[in-house]
C-alpha cells in the first residue's frame, strides 16, 4: 500500500558547477531533503557545468524513461593538440600545427549532423569485463572499447574565440561524449583537438534557467519538480479501492482509447499507465 503522506517524489534541477562531481551534488540534495534515495538523469564530468536533474525517492525510476532524451551543450574546442582525456585536464599526447578558420569548421560540422558510431574515450565510466575504463587508464592499461551509435541533431558554430579556438552549441542523443565530438571533428579538419569547457544548457525538457545553485541546496531553498510535470498525457483519476488494486499489480477494465495516461488516486499521482484493449496497466509507478 502506498503512503500519500510520505514526502513526494520529484526532480531537483541543479546548476552543477565545475570541479564538483555529479555524485556529490546528488548526495547534497539527498542530505538537504532527508530523502530515502536520490540519483540523476545524466551525469556530468567533474569539470562539466550546467543542468543536472537530481531524482528524489521514487523519481529514481525515471532513469530508463529519460534515457533517450536529447541534451544540449555549449562547449569550446581548441585545435592543434590532443590530450589523453580529450579535455584540458589531461596530458598532451599529440600535437599538430594548424590554422583553422570558420569556413573550414562550418563545412566540417555540417557533415557531422546525423548518426555515427562514436568511440568512447579511455577516460570514461564505460565498463568492459567488469573493469572501468578510466580506472584502468590511470594505471596505464588500455580497455578495448567498442563504438556506440549516437546522433547529433544540431551543431552550431557560435563564435571563433581565438586562433584555433571555437565555441559551439550541440544538441545530441543521450550517451554522446562531447569530448569525442571534439576529437572526431579535429580529425576531419586534419589536426587534433581537445575540449576546453562544457556547459549543459538543456537536458530533455529541463533548461538551465530553471535550475537552482548549490548555495540554494545548502540553504534549503530547494524546488522539487513533481514527476507528473514530465508527462504530456491525459489523466485517469481512480478511487481509492481501484488505485490500490492497480498499485498492487491488478489490471483494471478502463473504457479509454489505447495509449499512455497519467494515473491519479484522487489528487495523488501514482505514475504512468497504459490502456490497451480497454485494460489499464500501471507501467511506471512513481508514488
Protein backbone atom coordinates (compact mmCIF):
# COMPACT_ATOMS: atom_id res chain seq x y z
CA UNK A 1 0.00 0.00 0.00
CA UNK A 2 1.32 3.43 -0.89
CA UNK A 3 1.53 6.19 1.69
CA UNK A 4 0.36 9.55 0.25
CA UNK A 5 1.56 11.40 3.34
CA UNK A 6 5.19 10.41 2.63
CA UNK A 7 7.45 13.03 1.08
CA UNK A 8 6.54 13.14 -2.58
CA UNK A 9 8.99 12.07 -5.23
CA UNK A 10 10.25 14.52 -7.81
CA UNK A 11 13.20 16.15 -9.52
CA UNK A 12 15.53 18.88 -8.29
CA UNK A 13 17.20 20.83 -11.08
CA UNK A 14 20.70 21.88 -10.08
CA UNK A 15 23.18 24.03 -11.99
CA UNK A 16 26.26 21.94 -11.29
CA UNK A 17 29.47 23.99 -11.11
CA UNK A 18 32.80 22.84 -12.48
CA UNK A 19 35.02 20.98 -10.02
CA UNK A 20 32.15 19.34 -8.15
CA UNK A 21 31.21 15.77 -9.03
CA UNK A 22 27.68 14.85 -10.02
CA UNK A 23 27.67 12.29 -7.20
CA UNK A 24 28.46 14.98 -4.63
CA UNK A 25 25.58 17.14 -5.90
CA UNK A 26 23.22 14.15 -5.61
CA UNK A 27 24.38 13.49 -2.04
CA UNK A 28 23.95 17.15 -1.09
CA UNK A 29 20.34 17.11 -2.31
CA UNK A 30 19.68 13.82 -0.54
CA UNK A 31 21.05 15.18 2.74
CA UNK A 32 19.19 18.50 2.45
CA UNK A 33 15.83 16.80 1.79
CA UNK A 34 16.50 13.83 4.08
CA UNK A 35 15.33 11.71 1.16
CA UNK A 36 15.37 7.91 1.12
CA UNK A 37 17.32 7.81 -2.13
CA UNK A 38 18.47 10.09 -4.92
CA UNK A 39 20.00 9.67 -8.35
CA UNK A 40 20.42 11.69 -11.52
CA UNK A 41 19.21 11.69 -15.12
CA UNK A 42 22.56 12.18 -16.80
CA UNK A 43 25.97 12.51 -15.17
CA UNK A 44 28.23 15.45 -15.98
CA UNK A 45 32.02 15.11 -15.92
CA UNK A 46 33.83 16.67 -12.96
CA UNK A 47 34.71 19.82 -14.91
CA UNK A 48 31.32 19.95 -16.65
CA UNK A 49 28.76 22.58 -15.69
CA UNK A 50 25.03 23.05 -16.11
CA UNK A 51 21.76 21.17 -15.88
CA UNK A 52 21.88 18.17 -13.56
CA UNK A 53 18.41 16.72 -12.87
CA UNK A 54 18.55 15.02 -9.46
CA UNK A 55 15.85 12.42 -8.90
CA UNK A 56 14.34 12.12 -5.43
CA UNK A 57 12.85 8.93 -3.96
CA UNK A 58 10.66 7.09 -6.50
CA UNK A 59 11.68 9.52 -9.24
CA UNK A 60 14.87 7.44 -9.50
CA UNK A 61 12.69 5.04 -11.53
CA UNK A 62 12.61 7.67 -14.29
CA UNK A 63 16.14 6.82 -15.43
CA UNK A 64 15.14 4.35 -18.15
CA UNK A 65 12.29 6.62 -19.29
CA UNK A 66 14.69 9.55 -19.61
CA UNK A 67 17.50 7.54 -21.20
CA UNK A 68 16.56 8.54 -24.74
CA UNK A 69 16.10 12.27 -24.12
CA UNK A 70 18.22 14.76 -26.05
CA UNK A 71 20.72 17.09 -24.42
CA UNK A 72 22.10 20.48 -25.47
CA UNK A 73 25.58 21.75 -24.64
CA UNK A 74 27.71 24.83 -25.19
CA UNK A 75 31.37 23.98 -25.44
CA UNK A 76 34.73 25.34 -26.55
CA UNK A 77 37.10 23.23 -28.66
CA UNK A 78 40.79 24.01 -29.07
CA UNK A 79 42.57 22.60 -32.12
CA UNK A 80 46.24 21.73 -32.53
CA UNK A 81 46.71 19.19 -29.74
CA UNK A 82 45.01 16.19 -28.13
CA UNK A 83 45.20 15.11 -24.50
CA UNK A 84 44.79 11.63 -23.06
CA UNK A 85 41.44 12.68 -21.51
CA UNK A 86 40.35 14.70 -24.58
CA UNK A 87 39.95 17.80 -22.38
CA UNK A 88 42.30 20.28 -20.78
CA UNK A 89 42.52 18.25 -17.56
CA UNK A 90 44.70 15.65 -19.29
CA UNK A 91 48.28 15.41 -20.54
CA UNK A 92 49.07 16.38 -24.13
CA UNK A 93 49.83 13.27 -26.19
CA UNK A 94 49.56 14.54 -29.79
CA UNK A 95 50.26 17.89 -31.44
CA UNK A 96 49.95 19.24 -34.97
CA UNK A 97 50.40 22.80 -36.16
CA UNK A 98 47.25 24.20 -37.73
CA UNK A 99 45.43 27.39 -38.60
CA UNK A 100 41.73 26.54 -38.68
CA UNK A 101 39.24 29.09 -39.99
CA UNK A 102 35.47 29.45 -39.56
CA UNK A 103 34.64 28.28 -43.07
CA UNK A 104 36.55 25.02 -42.56
CA UNK A 105 34.78 24.47 -39.24
CA UNK A 106 31.31 25.20 -40.61
CA UNK A 107 31.82 22.83 -43.55
CA UNK A 108 33.04 20.06 -41.23
CA UNK A 109 30.31 20.31 -38.59
CA UNK A 110 27.61 20.19 -41.27
CA UNK A 111 28.91 16.73 -42.20
CA UNK A 112 28.69 15.52 -38.57
CA UNK A 113 24.96 16.11 -38.16
CA UNK A 114 23.15 12.78 -38.08
CA UNK A 115 24.03 9.33 -36.75
CA UNK A 116 27.53 7.93 -36.48
CA UNK A 117 29.43 5.34 -34.47
CA UNK A 118 31.35 7.16 -31.76
CA UNK A 119 34.31 5.56 -29.98
CA UNK A 120 34.09 6.36 -26.24
CA UNK A 121 37.15 7.89 -24.55
CA UNK A 122 39.53 5.76 -22.50
CA UNK A 123 38.93 8.16 -19.62
CA UNK A 124 35.24 7.34 -19.21
CA UNK A 125 33.00 5.35 -16.89
CA UNK A 126 32.49 2.63 -19.53
CA UNK A 127 32.92 -0.90 -18.18
CA UNK A 128 34.40 -3.84 -20.08
CA UNK A 129 34.55 -7.25 -18.42
CA UNK A 130 33.94 -5.61 -15.06
CA UNK A 131 36.77 -3.10 -15.48
CA UNK A 132 36.10 0.65 -15.55
CA UNK A 133 37.89 2.36 -18.43
CA UNK A 134 39.13 5.47 -16.60
CA UNK A 135 40.44 3.45 -13.64
CA UNK A 136 42.40 1.22 -15.98
CA UNK A 137 43.64 4.22 -17.95
CA UNK A 138 45.05 5.74 -14.78
CA UNK A 139 47.05 2.51 -14.30
CA UNK A 140 48.39 2.79 -17.83
CA UNK A 141 46.18 -0.01 -19.14
CA UNK A 142 44.04 0.17 -22.27
CA UNK A 143 40.47 -1.16 -22.22
CA UNK A 144 39.14 -2.43 -25.54
CA UNK A 145 36.13 -0.20 -26.01
CA UNK A 146 33.62 -0.53 -28.84
CA UNK A 147 31.90 2.26 -30.81
CA UNK A 148 28.34 3.23 -29.94
CA UNK A 149 25.82 4.77 -32.32
CA UNK A 150 24.95 8.33 -31.30
CA UNK A 151 23.12 11.10 -33.10
CA UNK A 152 23.88 14.79 -33.47
CA UNK A 153 20.65 16.69 -34.12
CA UNK A 154 22.12 20.18 -34.35
CA UNK A 155 25.68 21.50 -34.43
CA UNK A 156 26.17 25.28 -34.50
CA UNK A 157 29.32 27.36 -34.55
CA UNK A 158 28.62 30.24 -32.15
CA UNK A 159 31.88 32.15 -32.46
CA UNK A 160 35.60 31.97 -33.04
CA UNK A 161 37.08 32.74 -29.64
CA UNK A 162 40.73 32.87 -30.67
CA UNK A 163 43.13 31.28 -33.12
CA UNK A 164 42.17 27.58 -33.38
CA UNK A 165 39.62 28.05 -30.59
CA UNK A 166 35.87 27.89 -31.32
CA UNK A 167 32.64 27.91 -29.34
CA UNK A 168 29.78 25.58 -30.34
CA UNK A 169 26.25 24.61 -29.40
CA UNK A 170 25.50 20.91 -29.84
CA UNK A 171 22.19 19.06 -29.44
CA UNK A 172 22.68 15.31 -29.36
CA UNK A 173 21.36 11.98 -28.17
CA UNK A 174 21.85 10.71 -24.65
CA UNK A 175 25.15 8.90 -24.17
CA UNK A 176 27.10 11.18 -26.51
CA UNK A 177 30.59 12.24 -25.43
CA UNK A 178 31.19 15.87 -26.38
CA UNK A 179 34.92 15.34 -25.86
CA UNK A 180 34.81 12.71 -28.58
CA UNK A 181 32.95 15.03 -30.93
CA UNK A 182 35.89 17.41 -30.47
CA UNK A 183 38.36 14.62 -31.27
CA UNK A 184 36.42 13.46 -34.33
CA UNK A 185 35.87 16.99 -35.64
CA UNK A 186 39.59 17.69 -35.32
CA UNK A 187 40.41 14.57 -37.33
CA UNK A 188 38.06 15.79 -40.07
CA UNK A 189 39.98 19.07 -40.07
CA UNK A 190 43.30 17.26 -40.36
CA UNK A 191 44.54 18.05 -36.87
CA UNK A 192 43.98 17.22 -33.20
CA UNK A 193 41.59 18.79 -30.69
CA UNK A 194 40.72 18.98 -27.01
CA UNK A 195 37.65 20.28 -25.23
CA UNK A 196 38.28 23.35 -23.09
CA UNK A 197 34.96 23.55 -21.24
CA UNK A 198 31.37 22.33 -21.38
CA UNK A 199 28.04 23.71 -20.18
CA UNK A 200 24.84 21.66 -20.43
CA UNK A 201 22.03 24.11 -21.12
CA UNK A 202 19.22 21.59 -21.58
CA UNK A 203 18.54 18.00 -20.51
CA UNK A 204 15.35 16.72 -22.08
CA UNK A 205 12.66 19.24 -21.11
CA UNK A 206 14.79 20.77 -18.33
CA UNK A 207 16.52 24.10 -19.01
CA UNK A 208 19.38 25.89 -17.28
CA UNK A 209 17.18 28.89 -16.44
CA UNK A 210 15.06 26.67 -14.17
CA UNK A 211 17.98 25.35 -12.11
CA UNK A 212 18.96 26.24 -8.57
CA UNK A 213 22.53 26.65 -7.33
CA UNK A 214 24.48 24.58 -4.80
CA UNK A 215 24.17 27.54 -2.41
CA UNK A 216 20.39 27.19 -2.72
CA UNK A 217 20.68 23.49 -1.86
CA UNK A 218 22.86 24.18 1.18
CA UNK A 219 20.46 26.91 2.36
CA UNK A 220 17.38 24.72 1.95
CA UNK A 221 15.97 26.76 -0.95
CA UNK A 222 15.06 23.66 -2.94
CA UNK A 223 12.33 23.36 -5.56
CA UNK A 224 11.12 19.84 -6.22
CA UNK A 225 9.53 19.44 -9.65
CA UNK A 226 6.64 16.93 -9.41
CA UNK A 227 7.13 13.83 -11.56
CA UNK A 228 3.78 14.38 -13.26
CA UNK A 229 5.11 17.52 -14.98
CA UNK A 230 7.32 15.33 -17.16
CA UNK A 231 4.42 13.68 -18.92
CA UNK A 232 2.21 15.33 -21.51
CA UNK A 233 -0.55 12.70 -21.27
CA UNK A 234 -4.26 12.81 -20.49
CA UNK A 235 -5.24 11.81 -16.96
CA UNK A 236 -7.14 8.94 -15.40
CA UNK A 237 -8.43 9.51 -11.86
CA UNK A 238 -9.22 6.43 -9.78
CA UNK A 239 -10.99 5.92 -6.48
CA UNK A 240 -9.10 4.56 -3.50
CA UNK A 241 -10.05 0.89 -3.98
CA UNK A 242 -9.20 0.80 -7.69
CA UNK A 243 -5.95 2.71 -7.16
CA UNK A 244 -4.89 0.20 -4.51
CA UNK A 245 -5.58 -2.68 -6.90
CA UNK A 246 -3.65 -1.05 -9.73
CA UNK A 247 -0.79 -0.12 -7.42
CA UNK A 248 -0.51 -3.75 -6.34
CA UNK A 249 -0.34 -5.10 -9.86
CA UNK A 250 -4.01 -5.78 -10.65
CA UNK A 251 -5.06 -4.61 -14.12
CA UNK A 252 -8.34 -2.72 -14.43
CA UNK A 253 -11.05 -2.51 -17.04
CA UNK A 254 -10.93 1.01 -18.49
CA UNK A 255 -13.10 2.49 -21.23
CA UNK A 256 -10.44 4.79 -22.65
CA UNK A 257 -8.70 4.89 -26.05
CA UNK A 258 -5.44 2.95 -26.26
CA UNK A 259 -2.42 4.97 -25.13
CA UNK A 260 -0.47 6.24 -22.14
CA UNK A 261 -2.03 8.21 -19.29
CA UNK A 262 -1.13 9.94 -16.06
CA UNK A 263 -2.86 7.95 -13.33
CA UNK A 264 -4.10 9.57 -10.11
CA UNK A 265 -5.63 8.32 -6.91
CA UNK A 266 -7.79 11.34 -6.16
CA UNK A 267 -5.09 14.07 -6.01
CA UNK A 268 -2.10 11.73 -5.65
CA UNK A 269 -0.07 10.94 -8.76
CA UNK A 270 0.51 7.18 -8.97
CA UNK A 271 2.51 7.06 -12.19
CA UNK A 272 2.13 6.31 -15.87
CA UNK A 273 -0.46 3.82 -17.02
CA UNK A 274 -1.16 2.26 -20.38
CA UNK A 275 -4.55 1.36 -21.79
CA UNK A 276 -4.62 -1.44 -24.33
CA UNK A 277 -7.86 -3.08 -25.46
CA UNK A 278 -9.78 -1.48 -22.56
CA UNK A 279 -7.33 -2.81 -19.95
CA UNK A 280 -5.36 -0.36 -17.77
CA UNK A 281 -1.87 -1.40 -16.60
CA UNK A 282 0.43 0.66 -14.39
CA UNK A 283 3.69 0.80 -16.37
CA UNK A 284 5.70 3.25 -14.27
CA UNK A 285 4.94 3.51 -10.56
CA UNK A 286 6.05 6.82 -9.07
CA UNK A 287 4.19 7.01 -5.76
